[in-house]
């Protein structure tokens, strides 16, 4: 570790001294102090090293949130291993792609995903060790998590630089295949500082982790809370009634949200009211009516919105009420500029591609040097999104660049190309264009406008069911429309803009 390095494990060690007897993690009946958390991270790290995990080795995880998940993140930080958290909604083929892409040496799976993980890993020769994210394992090939713990070697120190890779999160598939975004420990530290500052969180904060830990939103907030010496309350999956009870019982101050989480909390609160007065900040993407309602139930809370990506979080942000509809102002450690297609900075008020320089910007796409170089051209991270700045420095999101068309159902990123690829694999489909349409519950829904092959006998529901066998269920079309032909540009490409005009109305 160099003179100027500071890592996630430094955070864990610092907390074990400064906040030794305070709660670090709560998960079900498990309540863990900062001292205990460090001990478990140390013993888990010792076990990983004994099993052959070294600096830069990948550890894949297919599991719901748990105390074990957070311990694994801490242990990996100590020894410089890279965690690959896999979206448990993925189909087996998608999980297999990620495993082959990242070649992990260890695979961890939750009890619900042991069989799926084993099947996905059948042809991944790099995997040498298999562990269940539970106290027991129903498959002999997966050892229970706690069998990793070792006292011998737990006190060993490791020289891990801040630029060491820490996590690979696979973002949505721009060209039909997910891309792994590599974040370093230094990236996460920089993100922590900005989140703590933006939401004014200190040692008395308490985060209810209801978003999945494979998602950058959950990981970044959990790590920021850890960095601040505050408490993380972990739930395996979102349950509105349980969330309300925990907010009251643990005096939760913050949580992250994507539609329709707030609406579900509001509905559950009508059934069984709980005290939400401890809440001070809520962050995410939600519909304005749900935000207004939750703030009446939590009178001391502020709703924070902003702009960010897995590759760069945060970019902008702030109190959503300061400039409703905007994405806030540039984050504490971010330089944000807008460029045209020729990489010239655009005049104030004009739309341009959102580009950022920040210590939070990721290290690059795993095994994709060309894509990384293009994204980082001219020394800026090019987000692929269009925005504009107003006179007071607020960023306004305009749209996605055409080549990076994106649909966001319930906060998840879905690229049309991936859905189109799955649909075109059906032998009854000749052509397809996938677009996003407004959706009251999820914010946006997926619609597939398809040209069937001559003589094909296929219903919309049959095609939807087929797609769910190829990709994660949240990527499936909610609507399927069969047409005789799709509009084309003069170059012969599908005219996506015209498809949106013709078929992208409100549903």
Protein backbone atom coordinates (compact mmCIF):
# COMPACT_ATOMS: atom_id res chain seq x y z
CA UNK A 1 0.00 0.00 0.00
CA UNK A 2 1.43 3.33 -1.04
CA UNK A 3 1.77 6.59 0.82
CA UNK A 4 -1.43 8.00 -0.70
CA UNK A 5 -3.60 4.86 -0.73
CA UNK A 6 -6.76 4.35 1.27
CA UNK A 7 -8.86 1.24 0.69
CA UNK A 8 -12.16 -0.35 1.68
CA UNK A 9 -10.29 -2.51 4.18
CA UNK A 10 -8.80 0.64 5.72
CA UNK A 11 -12.39 1.76 6.30
CA UNK A 12 -13.20 -1.55 7.98
CA UNK A 13 -10.09 -1.37 10.19
CA UNK A 14 -10.76 2.24 11.12
CA UNK A 15 -14.32 1.47 12.14
CA UNK A 16 -13.20 -1.47 14.29
CA UNK A 17 -11.17 0.98 16.37
CA UNK A 18 -13.37 4.08 16.39
CA UNK A 19 -16.79 2.40 16.54
CA UNK A 20 -15.92 -1.04 17.87
CA UNK A 21 -19.10 -1.74 19.85
CA UNK A 22 -21.59 -0.01 17.59
CA UNK A 23 -23.81 -1.90 15.17
CA UNK A 24 -22.33 -2.23 11.70
CA UNK A 25 -24.75 -4.77 10.20
CA UNK A 26 -28.21 -6.02 10.98
CA UNK A 27 -29.62 -8.93 9.01
CA UNK A 28 -32.62 -10.79 10.41
CA UNK A 29 -31.57 -12.03 13.84
CA UNK A 30 -27.91 -11.26 13.15
CA UNK A 31 -26.57 -8.08 14.75
CA UNK A 32 -22.89 -7.44 14.12
CA UNK A 33 -20.67 -4.74 15.62
CA UNK A 34 -17.87 -3.08 13.69
CA UNK A 35 -15.36 -5.12 15.71
CA UNK A 36 -17.16 -8.35 14.86
CA UNK A 37 -17.49 -7.36 11.22
CA UNK A 38 -13.74 -6.90 10.90
CA UNK A 39 -13.08 -10.23 12.62
CA UNK A 40 -15.37 -12.05 10.20
CA UNK A 41 -13.87 -10.26 7.19
CA UNK A 42 -10.39 -11.18 8.41
CA UNK A 43 -11.27 -14.84 8.90
CA UNK A 44 -13.07 -15.05 5.57
CA UNK A 45 -10.08 -13.44 3.86
CA UNK A 46 -7.75 -15.94 5.52
CA UNK A 47 -9.87 -18.79 4.18
CA UNK A 48 -9.92 -17.35 0.67
CA UNK A 49 -6.14 -16.99 0.67
CA UNK A 50 -5.70 -20.53 1.98
CA UNK A 51 -7.87 -21.71 -0.92
CA UNK A 52 -5.62 -19.90 -3.38
CA UNK A 53 -7.40 -16.55 -3.98
CA UNK A 54 -4.88 -13.79 -4.73
CA UNK A 55 -4.77 -10.16 -5.78
CA UNK A 56 -6.91 -9.69 -8.90
CA UNK A 57 -8.64 -13.07 -8.77
CA UNK A 58 -12.39 -12.94 -9.39
CA UNK A 59 -15.08 -14.17 -7.00
CA UNK A 60 -18.55 -14.56 -8.55
CA UNK A 61 -21.71 -14.32 -6.43
CA UNK A 62 -25.27 -15.29 -7.38
CA UNK A 63 -27.29 -14.60 -4.25
CA UNK A 64 -29.77 -12.41 -2.47
CA UNK A 65 -28.61 -9.81 0.03
CA UNK A 66 -27.25 -11.14 3.32
CA UNK A 67 -24.66 -10.55 6.03
CA UNK A 68 -22.46 -13.06 4.19
CA UNK A 69 -22.56 -10.88 1.08
CA UNK A 70 -21.24 -7.90 3.02
CA UNK A 71 -18.56 -10.04 4.71
CA UNK A 72 -17.43 -11.30 1.31
CA UNK A 73 -17.16 -7.71 0.04
CA UNK A 74 -15.00 -6.89 3.08
CA UNK A 75 -12.80 -9.98 2.76
CA UNK A 76 -12.22 -9.35 -0.95
CA UNK A 77 -11.18 -5.78 -0.19
CA UNK A 78 -8.55 -6.97 2.29
CA UNK A 79 -6.79 -9.32 -0.17
CA UNK A 80 -7.44 -7.42 -3.39
CA UNK A 81 -9.82 -9.93 -4.94
CA UNK A 82 -12.50 -8.74 -7.37
CA UNK A 83 -16.15 -9.49 -6.60
CA UNK A 84 -18.44 -10.22 -9.55
CA UNK A 85 -22.01 -9.84 -8.23
CA UNK A 86 -24.38 -11.50 -10.71
CA UNK A 87 -27.97 -10.41 -11.18
CA UNK A 88 -29.97 -13.34 -9.79
CA UNK A 89 -32.79 -12.53 -12.21
CA UNK A 90 -30.61 -13.65 -15.11
CA UNK A 91 -31.32 -16.80 -17.03
CA UNK A 92 -28.77 -19.61 -16.88
CA UNK A 93 -27.28 -18.66 -20.26
CA UNK A 94 -26.75 -15.07 -19.08
CA UNK A 95 -25.05 -16.21 -15.87
CA UNK A 96 -22.88 -18.55 -17.91
CA UNK A 97 -21.80 -15.69 -20.19
CA UNK A 98 -20.69 -13.60 -17.20
CA UNK A 99 -18.77 -16.49 -15.65
CA UNK A 100 -16.97 -17.22 -18.92
CA UNK A 101 -16.25 -13.52 -19.38
CA UNK A 102 -14.73 -12.96 -15.93
CA UNK A 103 -13.22 -16.44 -15.34
CA UNK A 104 -13.74 -16.47 -11.57
CA UNK A 105 -11.71 -18.78 -9.37
CA UNK A 106 -14.53 -19.06 -6.80
CA UNK A 107 -18.31 -19.22 -7.16
CA UNK A 108 -20.71 -18.36 -4.33
CA UNK A 109 -24.44 -19.03 -4.68
CA UNK A 110 -27.49 -18.48 -2.52
CA UNK A 111 -29.55 -21.51 -1.53
CA UNK A 112 -32.17 -20.67 -4.18
CA UNK A 113 -29.56 -20.55 -6.94
CA UNK A 114 -27.27 -23.51 -6.26
CA UNK A 115 -28.64 -25.58 -9.15
CA UNK A 116 -28.76 -22.66 -11.58
CA UNK A 117 -25.23 -21.58 -10.67
CA UNK A 118 -23.93 -25.14 -11.01
CA UNK A 119 -25.54 -25.49 -14.43
CA UNK A 120 -24.25 -22.10 -15.60
CA UNK A 121 -20.72 -22.98 -14.46
CA UNK A 122 -20.54 -26.41 -16.10
CA UNK A 123 -18.10 -25.30 -18.78
CA UNK A 124 -16.22 -22.64 -16.82
CA UNK A 125 -12.86 -24.26 -16.18
CA UNK A 126 -11.53 -21.40 -14.05
CA UNK A 127 -13.78 -22.20 -11.08
CA UNK A 128 -11.87 -24.13 -8.43
CA UNK A 129 -14.02 -23.62 -5.33
CA UNK A 130 -17.75 -23.58 -4.70
CA UNK A 131 -19.51 -22.09 -1.67
CA UNK A 132 -23.11 -21.63 -0.60
CA UNK A 133 -24.11 -18.24 0.80
CA UNK A 134 -25.70 -19.99 3.77
CA UNK A 135 -24.90 -21.94 6.91
CA UNK A 136 -25.79 -25.20 5.16
CA UNK A 137 -25.69 -26.46 1.58
CA UNK A 138 -28.13 -28.71 -0.22
CA UNK A 139 -25.58 -29.57 -2.91
CA UNK A 140 -22.42 -31.46 -1.88
CA UNK A 141 -20.33 -29.53 -4.40
CA UNK A 142 -21.06 -26.25 -2.57
CA UNK A 143 -19.49 -25.86 0.88
CA UNK A 144 -21.30 -23.80 3.56
CA UNK A 145 -20.01 -20.23 3.73
CA UNK A 146 -18.68 -20.43 7.26
CA UNK A 147 -16.35 -23.32 6.40
CA UNK A 148 -14.17 -20.58 4.87
CA UNK A 149 -13.47 -18.93 8.22
CA UNK A 150 -9.89 -19.36 9.48
CA UNK A 151 -8.19 -17.97 12.57
CA UNK A 152 -4.77 -18.83 11.19
CA UNK A 153 -3.74 -16.03 8.87
CA UNK A 154 -6.54 -13.71 9.95
CA UNK A 155 -4.02 -11.14 11.23
CA UNK A 156 -1.97 -11.16 8.04
CA UNK A 157 -1.74 -7.81 6.27
CA UNK A 158 -1.66 -7.32 2.50
CA UNK A 159 -0.22 -4.55 0.36
CA UNK A 160 -3.28 -3.63 -1.71
CA UNK A 161 -3.21 -0.40 -3.74
CA UNK A 162 -6.29 1.79 -4.03
CA UNK A 163 -6.33 1.29 -7.81
CA UNK A 164 -6.75 -2.47 -7.37
CA UNK A 165 -9.88 -3.82 -9.00
CA UNK A 166 -12.71 -4.38 -6.54
CA UNK A 167 -15.95 -5.18 -8.32
CA UNK A 168 -17.11 -6.01 -11.85
CA UNK A 169 -20.75 -5.13 -12.45
CA UNK A 170 -22.21 -6.14 -15.79
CA UNK A 171 -24.15 -3.31 -17.32
CA UNK A 172 -26.94 -3.65 -19.86
CA UNK A 173 -26.05 -5.05 -23.26
CA UNK A 174 -25.54 -2.21 -25.74
CA UNK A 175 -24.87 -4.57 -28.64
CA UNK A 176 -26.66 -7.63 -27.29
CA UNK A 177 -23.98 -8.78 -24.83
CA UNK A 178 -23.54 -7.47 -21.23
CA UNK A 179 -20.34 -5.52 -20.55
CA UNK A 180 -18.47 -5.83 -17.25
CA UNK A 181 -17.64 -2.45 -15.70
CA UNK A 182 -14.54 -2.73 -13.49
CA UNK A 183 -14.49 -0.44 -10.44
CA UNK A 184 -11.43 -0.07 -8.23
CA UNK A 185 -11.37 0.33 -4.46
CA UNK A 186 -10.37 3.94 -5.04
CA UNK A 187 -13.46 4.44 -7.23
CA UNK A 188 -15.67 3.20 -4.40
CA UNK A 189 -13.92 5.38 -1.81
CA UNK A 190 -14.46 8.48 -3.98
CA UNK A 191 -18.11 7.54 -4.43
CA UNK A 192 -18.51 7.08 -0.67
CA UNK A 193 -17.23 10.57 0.07
CA UNK A 194 -19.61 12.17 -2.41
CA UNK A 195 -22.69 10.27 -1.21
CA UNK A 196 -21.95 11.07 2.44
CA UNK A 197 -21.48 14.75 1.61
CA UNK A 198 -24.46 15.09 -0.72
CA UNK A 199 -26.93 13.49 1.67
CA UNK A 200 -25.28 14.92 4.78
CA UNK A 201 -24.95 11.52 6.43
CA UNK A 202 -22.85 10.97 9.54
CA UNK A 203 -22.25 8.29 12.15
CA UNK A 204 -25.90 8.41 13.25
CA UNK A 205 -27.18 7.37 9.81
CA UNK A 206 -28.90 4.05 9.22
CA UNK A 207 -29.34 2.58 5.74
CA UNK A 208 -32.06 0.08 4.90
CA UNK A 209 -30.61 -1.95 2.03
CA UNK A 210 -33.68 -3.03 0.08
CA UNK A 211 -32.10 -2.86 -3.38
CA UNK A 212 -30.05 -5.88 -4.51
CA UNK A 213 -26.32 -5.83 -3.73
CA UNK A 214 -25.50 -6.73 -7.34
CA UNK A 215 -26.75 -3.24 -8.25
CA UNK A 216 -24.46 -0.21 -8.06
CA UNK A 217 -27.12 1.80 -6.19
CA UNK A 218 -27.25 -0.67 -3.29
CA UNK A 219 -23.52 -1.32 -3.23
CA UNK A 220 -22.55 2.35 -3.32
CA UNK A 221 -24.94 3.40 -0.56
CA UNK A 222 -24.01 0.43 1.64
CA UNK A 223 -20.32 1.20 1.23
CA UNK A 224 -20.87 4.91 1.92
CA UNK A 225 -22.71 4.08 5.13
CA UNK A 226 -19.92 1.69 6.11
CA UNK A 227 -17.37 4.41 5.36
CA UNK A 228 -19.25 6.84 7.57
CA UNK A 229 -19.22 4.47 10.54
CA UNK A 230 -22.98 4.07 10.39
CA UNK A 231 -25.35 1.08 10.34
CA UNK A 232 -26.51 -1.02 7.39
CA UNK A 233 -29.76 -2.95 7.84
CA UNK A 234 -29.80 -5.66 5.18
CA UNK A 235 -32.88 -7.44 3.83
CA UNK A 236 -32.58 -10.31 1.39
CA UNK A 237 -35.32 -8.97 -0.89
CA UNK A 238 -37.70 -6.03 -0.79
CA UNK A 239 -40.86 -6.63 1.21
CA UNK A 240 -42.87 -3.45 1.87
CA UNK A 241 -44.39 -4.51 5.20
CA UNK A 242 -41.02 -5.68 6.53
CA UNK A 243 -39.32 -2.52 5.28
CA UNK A 244 -41.78 -0.34 7.17
CA UNK A 245 -41.30 -2.34 10.38
CA UNK A 246 -37.53 -2.05 10.09
CA UNK A 247 -37.66 1.68 9.43
CA UNK A 248 -39.53 2.10 12.69
CA UNK A 249 -37.59 -0.44 14.76
CA UNK A 250 -34.06 0.43 13.58
CA UNK A 251 -34.71 4.17 13.19
CA UNK A 252 -33.68 4.02 9.54
CA UNK A 253 -32.57 7.36 8.09
CA UNK A 254 -32.05 6.51 4.41
CA UNK A 255 -32.81 4.03 1.64
CA UNK A 256 -32.65 3.82 -2.15
CA UNK A 257 -35.70 3.42 -4.34
CA UNK A 258 -36.78 2.62 -7.87
CA UNK A 259 -40.38 2.57 -9.06
CA UNK A 260 -42.64 1.07 -7.85
CA UNK A 261 -41.00 0.73 -4.40
CA UNK A 262 -42.40 3.96 -2.96
CA UNK A 263 -45.92 3.16 -4.14
CA UNK A 264 -45.70 -0.28 -2.52
CA UNK A 265 -44.48 1.28 0.73
CA UNK A 266 -47.30 3.81 0.66
CA UNK A 267 -49.90 1.09 0.07
CA UNK A 268 -48.45 -1.03 2.88
CA UNK A 269 -48.46 1.99 5.19
CA UNK A 270 -52.19 2.41 4.58
CA UNK A 271 -52.73 -1.16 5.77
CA UNK A 272 -50.39 -0.98 8.78
CA UNK A 273 -49.10 2.51 9.63
CA UNK A 274 -45.55 2.77 11.00
CA UNK A 275 -43.47 5.62 12.37
CA UNK A 276 -41.34 6.98 9.51
CA UNK A 277 -40.15 10.10 11.32
CA UNK A 278 -36.54 8.85 11.46
CA UNK A 279 -36.15 9.09 7.66
CA UNK A 280 -33.95 11.96 6.50
CA UNK A 281 -33.08 11.04 2.93
CA UNK A 282 -34.46 8.88 0.13
CA UNK A 283 -32.66 8.58 -3.16
CA UNK A 284 -33.50 7.16 -6.54
CA UNK A 285 -35.84 7.34 -9.51
CA UNK A 286 -39.54 7.58 -8.68
CA UNK A 287 -42.71 9.19 -9.96
CA UNK A 288 -43.45 12.68 -8.54
CA UNK A 289 -46.77 11.71 -6.93
CA UNK A 290 -45.19 8.86 -4.93
CA UNK A 291 -42.39 11.20 -3.82
CA UNK A 292 -44.88 13.82 -2.63
CA UNK A 293 -46.87 11.24 -0.71
CA UNK A 294 -43.91 9.58 1.01
CA UNK A 295 -42.59 12.95 2.13
CA UNK A 296 -45.88 13.67 3.89
CA UNK A 297 -45.45 10.37 5.78
CA UNK A 298 -41.77 11.11 6.51
CA UNK A 299 -41.83 14.86 7.27
CA UNK A 300 -38.09 15.13 8.01
CA UNK A 301 -36.96 13.44 4.81
CA UNK A 302 -35.52 14.89 1.60
CA UNK A 303 -35.78 13.10 -1.74
CA UNK A 304 -32.50 13.16 -3.63
CA UNK A 305 -32.32 12.63 -7.36
CA UNK A 306 -29.43 12.77 -9.75
CA UNK A 307 -27.67 11.34 -12.75
CA UNK A 308 -25.27 8.41 -12.51
CA UNK A 309 -24.17 5.20 -14.17
CA UNK A 310 -22.55 2.01 -12.96
CA UNK A 311 -19.49 3.41 -14.75
CA UNK A 312 -19.61 6.76 -12.92
CA UNK A 313 -21.52 7.35 -9.71
CA UNK A 314 -22.43 10.03 -8.87
CA UNK A 315 -22.23 12.50 -11.76
CA UNK A 316 -24.84 15.01 -10.59
CA UNK A 317 -27.37 15.15 -7.79
CA UNK A 318 -29.15 17.09 -5.10
CA UNK A 319 -32.47 17.77 -3.42
CA UNK A 320 -35.09 17.05 -6.06
CA UNK A 321 -37.20 19.92 -4.74
CA UNK A 322 -34.51 22.50 -5.54
CA UNK A 323 -35.11 22.22 -9.28
CA UNK A 324 -37.92 19.71 -9.96
CA UNK A 325 -37.32 17.66 -13.08
CA UNK A 326 -33.59 18.28 -13.22
CA UNK A 327 -30.78 15.86 -12.37
CA UNK A 328 -29.17 18.30 -9.96
CA UNK A 329 -25.74 19.91 -10.05
CA UNK A 330 -22.33 18.25 -10.65
CA UNK A 331 -21.24 16.05 -7.76
CA UNK A 332 -18.54 17.05 -5.30
CA UNK A 333 -15.68 15.33 -7.16
CA UNK A 334 -16.99 15.48 -10.73
CA UNK A 335 -16.17 17.66 -13.72
CA UNK A 336 -19.10 17.47 -16.11
CA UNK A 337 -19.15 18.85 -19.65
CA UNK A 338 -21.44 18.43 -22.65
CA UNK A 339 -19.98 17.69 -26.10
CA UNK A 340 -21.36 17.40 -29.61
CA UNK A 341 -20.69 14.50 -32.00
CA UNK A 342 -17.31 16.02 -32.89
CA UNK A 343 -16.26 16.35 -29.23
CA UNK A 344 -16.68 20.11 -29.17
CA UNK A 345 -18.14 21.56 -25.99
CA UNK A 346 -21.64 22.88 -26.65
CA UNK A 347 -22.85 26.39 -25.63
CA UNK A 348 -24.78 26.80 -22.38
CA UNK A 349 -28.36 25.66 -22.76
CA UNK A 350 -27.65 23.50 -25.81
CA UNK A 351 -27.92 19.69 -25.63
CA UNK A 352 -24.79 17.57 -25.76
CA UNK A 353 -23.41 14.22 -24.64
CA UNK A 354 -22.85 14.11 -20.88
CA UNK A 355 -19.14 13.52 -20.25
CA UNK A 356 -17.40 13.31 -16.90
CA UNK A 357 -13.96 13.30 -15.30
CA UNK A 358 -13.93 12.05 -11.72
CA UNK A 359 -12.10 9.68 -9.37
CA UNK A 360 -15.37 7.74 -9.39
CA UNK A 361 -15.12 6.92 -13.10
CA UNK A 362 -14.64 3.20 -13.58
CA UNK A 363 -11.42 1.55 -14.80
CA UNK A 364 -12.86 0.21 -18.05
CA UNK A 365 -14.88 -2.64 -19.53
CA UNK A 366 -13.53 -6.07 -18.69
CA UNK A 367 -11.81 -7.69 -21.69
CA UNK A 368 -13.07 -4.89 -23.98
CA UNK A 369 -10.14 -2.60 -24.72
CA UNK A 370 -11.64 -1.09 -27.86
CA UNK A 371 -14.96 -0.25 -26.19
CA UNK A 372 -13.07 1.22 -23.22
CA UNK A 373 -10.86 3.37 -25.42
CA UNK A 374 -13.88 4.70 -27.30
CA UNK A 375 -15.74 5.48 -24.07
CA UNK A 376 -12.68 7.29 -22.65
CA UNK A 377 -11.73 9.18 -25.81
CA UNK A 378 -10.13 12.60 -25.36
CA UNK A 379 -9.74 12.02 -21.64
CA UNK A 380 -13.45 12.04 -20.81
CA UNK A 381 -15.89 9.28 -19.89
CA UNK A 382 -18.61 9.49 -22.55
CA UNK A 383 -21.90 8.38 -20.99
CA UNK A 384 -23.94 8.00 -24.17
CA UNK A 385 -26.65 10.23 -22.68
CA UNK A 386 -27.69 13.68 -23.88
CA UNK A 387 -28.28 16.51 -21.43
CA UNK A 388 -28.24 20.28 -21.16
CA UNK A 389 -27.19 22.72 -18.44
CA UNK A 390 -29.30 25.70 -17.41
CA UNK A 391 -27.94 29.06 -16.28
CA UNK A 392 -27.67 27.97 -12.63
CA UNK A 393 -25.70 24.79 -13.32
CA UNK A 394 -28.50 22.24 -13.11
CA UNK A 395 -28.30 19.31 -15.51
CA UNK A 396 -31.41 18.33 -17.45
CA UNK A 397 -31.58 14.88 -18.97
CA UNK A 398 -32.69 15.00 -22.63
CA UNK A 399 -32.39 11.51 -24.13
CA UNK A 400 -30.12 8.58 -24.83
CA UNK A 401 -27.84 8.71 -27.88
CA UNK A 402 -29.24 6.64 -30.72
CA UNK A 403 -26.46 4.02 -30.62
CA UNK A 404 -27.04 3.53 -26.90
CA UNK A 405 -30.82 3.41 -26.87
CA UNK A 406 -31.92 2.43 -23.35
CA UNK A 407 -35.13 1.35 -21.63
CA UNK A 408 -35.44 1.53 -17.82
CA UNK A 409 -38.25 -0.65 -16.41
CA UNK A 410 -38.22 -0.26 -12.62
CA UNK A 411 -34.70 1.18 -12.53
CA UNK A 412 -33.10 -1.69 -14.43
CA UNK A 413 -31.18 -0.93 -17.63
CA UNK A 414 -32.34 -2.81 -20.72
CA UNK A 415 -30.84 -2.20 -24.14
CA UNK A 416 -33.14 -2.93 -27.10
CA UNK A 417 -30.36 -4.77 -28.93
CA UNK A 418 -30.29 -7.54 -26.32
CA UNK A 419 -34.07 -8.04 -26.44
CA UNK A 420 -34.07 -7.88 -30.24
CA UNK A 421 -31.36 -10.53 -30.37
CA UNK A 422 -33.47 -12.85 -28.22
CA UNK A 423 -36.60 -12.24 -30.31
CA UNK A 424 -34.79 -12.78 -33.62
CA UNK A 425 -33.61 -16.19 -32.40
CA UNK A 426 -37.25 -17.34 -32.72
CA UNK A 427 -37.72 -19.01 -36.09
CA UNK A 428 -41.06 -17.27 -36.60
CA UNK A 429 -39.72 -13.69 -36.53
CA UNK A 430 -38.32 -11.92 -39.57
CA UNK A 431 -37.58 -8.47 -38.12
CA UNK A 432 -38.07 -6.52 -34.89
CA UNK A 433 -37.65 -3.12 -33.28
CA UNK A 434 -37.82 -2.84 -29.48
CA UNK A 435 -38.75 0.49 -27.90
CA UNK A 436 -39.68 1.86 -24.49
CA UNK A 437 -43.19 3.08 -23.74
CA UNK A 438 -44.57 4.86 -20.64
CA UNK A 439 -45.76 2.64 -17.80
CA UNK A 440 -47.61 3.83 -14.70
CA UNK A 441 -46.15 1.14 -12.41
CA UNK A 442 -42.58 0.67 -13.65
CA UNK A 443 -41.95 4.08 -15.22
CA UNK A 444 -41.19 2.51 -18.59
CA UNK A 445 -42.13 -0.76 -20.26
CA UNK A 446 -40.71 -2.73 -23.18
CA UNK A 447 -42.61 -3.00 -26.44
CA UNK A 448 -41.56 -5.20 -29.35
CA UNK A 449 -42.80 -4.28 -32.83
CA UNK A 450 -42.28 -7.45 -34.86
CA UNK A 451 -42.51 -8.60 -38.46
CA UNK A 452 -43.43 -12.33 -38.45
CA UNK A 453 -42.15 -14.67 -41.12
CA UNK A 454 -44.59 -15.73 -43.81
CA UNK A 455 -46.86 -18.47 -42.52
CA UNK A 456 -45.76 -18.11 -38.89
CA UNK A 457 -48.52 -18.87 -36.38
CA UNK A 458 -47.44 -17.01 -33.26
CA UNK A 459 -49.31 -15.07 -30.58
CA UNK A 460 -47.85 -12.13 -28.62
CA UNK A 461 -47.91 -14.14 -25.37
CA UNK A 462 -46.10 -17.06 -26.99
CA UNK A 463 -43.31 -14.74 -28.07
CA UNK A 464 -43.12 -13.13 -24.62
CA UNK A 465 -42.89 -16.58 -23.01
CA UNK A 466 -40.17 -17.54 -25.47
CA UNK A 467 -38.08 -14.47 -24.63
CA UNK A 468 -38.18 -15.30 -20.91
CA UNK A 469 -36.35 -18.54 -21.69
CA UNK A 470 -33.50 -16.57 -23.26
CA UNK A 471 -32.98 -13.54 -21.03
CA UNK A 472 -33.99 -12.27 -17.58
CA UNK A 473 -37.73 -11.80 -17.06
CA UNK A 474 -37.42 -8.07 -16.45
CA UNK A 475 -36.09 -7.76 -20.02
CA UNK A 476 -39.09 -9.41 -21.64
CA UNK A 477 -41.53 -7.28 -23.68
CA UNK A 478 -44.68 -6.25 -21.89
CA UNK A 479 -46.27 -5.55 -25.25
CA UNK A 480 -45.84 -7.28 -28.61
CA UNK A 481 -47.26 -5.88 -31.83
CA UNK A 482 -47.12 -7.70 -35.17
CA UNK A 483 -46.82 -5.53 -38.30
CA UNK A 484 -46.29 -6.20 -42.00
CA UNK A 485 -43.10 -4.14 -42.25
CA UNK A 486 -40.86 -1.76 -40.29
CA UNK A 487 -39.90 1.71 -41.55
CA UNK A 488 -36.38 2.08 -42.91
CA UNK A 489 -33.93 4.97 -43.21
CA UNK A 490 -32.32 5.90 -46.52
CA UNK A 491 -29.31 3.80 -45.40
CA UNK A 492 -31.55 0.76 -45.03
CA UNK A 493 -31.51 0.60 -41.22
CA UNK A 494 -34.67 0.32 -39.14
CA UNK A 495 -35.96 3.84 -38.47
CA UNK A 496 -36.31 3.58 -34.69
CA UNK A 497 -37.46 7.17 -34.36
CA UNK A 498 -40.33 6.52 -36.76
CA UNK A 499 -41.27 3.32 -34.93
CA UNK A 500 -41.52 5.36 -31.73
CA UNK A 501 -43.76 7.89 -33.47
CA UNK A 502 -45.96 5.16 -34.92
CA UNK A 503 -46.11 2.79 -31.95
CA UNK A 504 -44.67 4.48 -28.85
CA UNK A 505 -47.79 6.06 -27.42
CA UNK A 506 -48.95 5.69 -23.82
CA UNK A 507 -50.30 2.27 -22.79
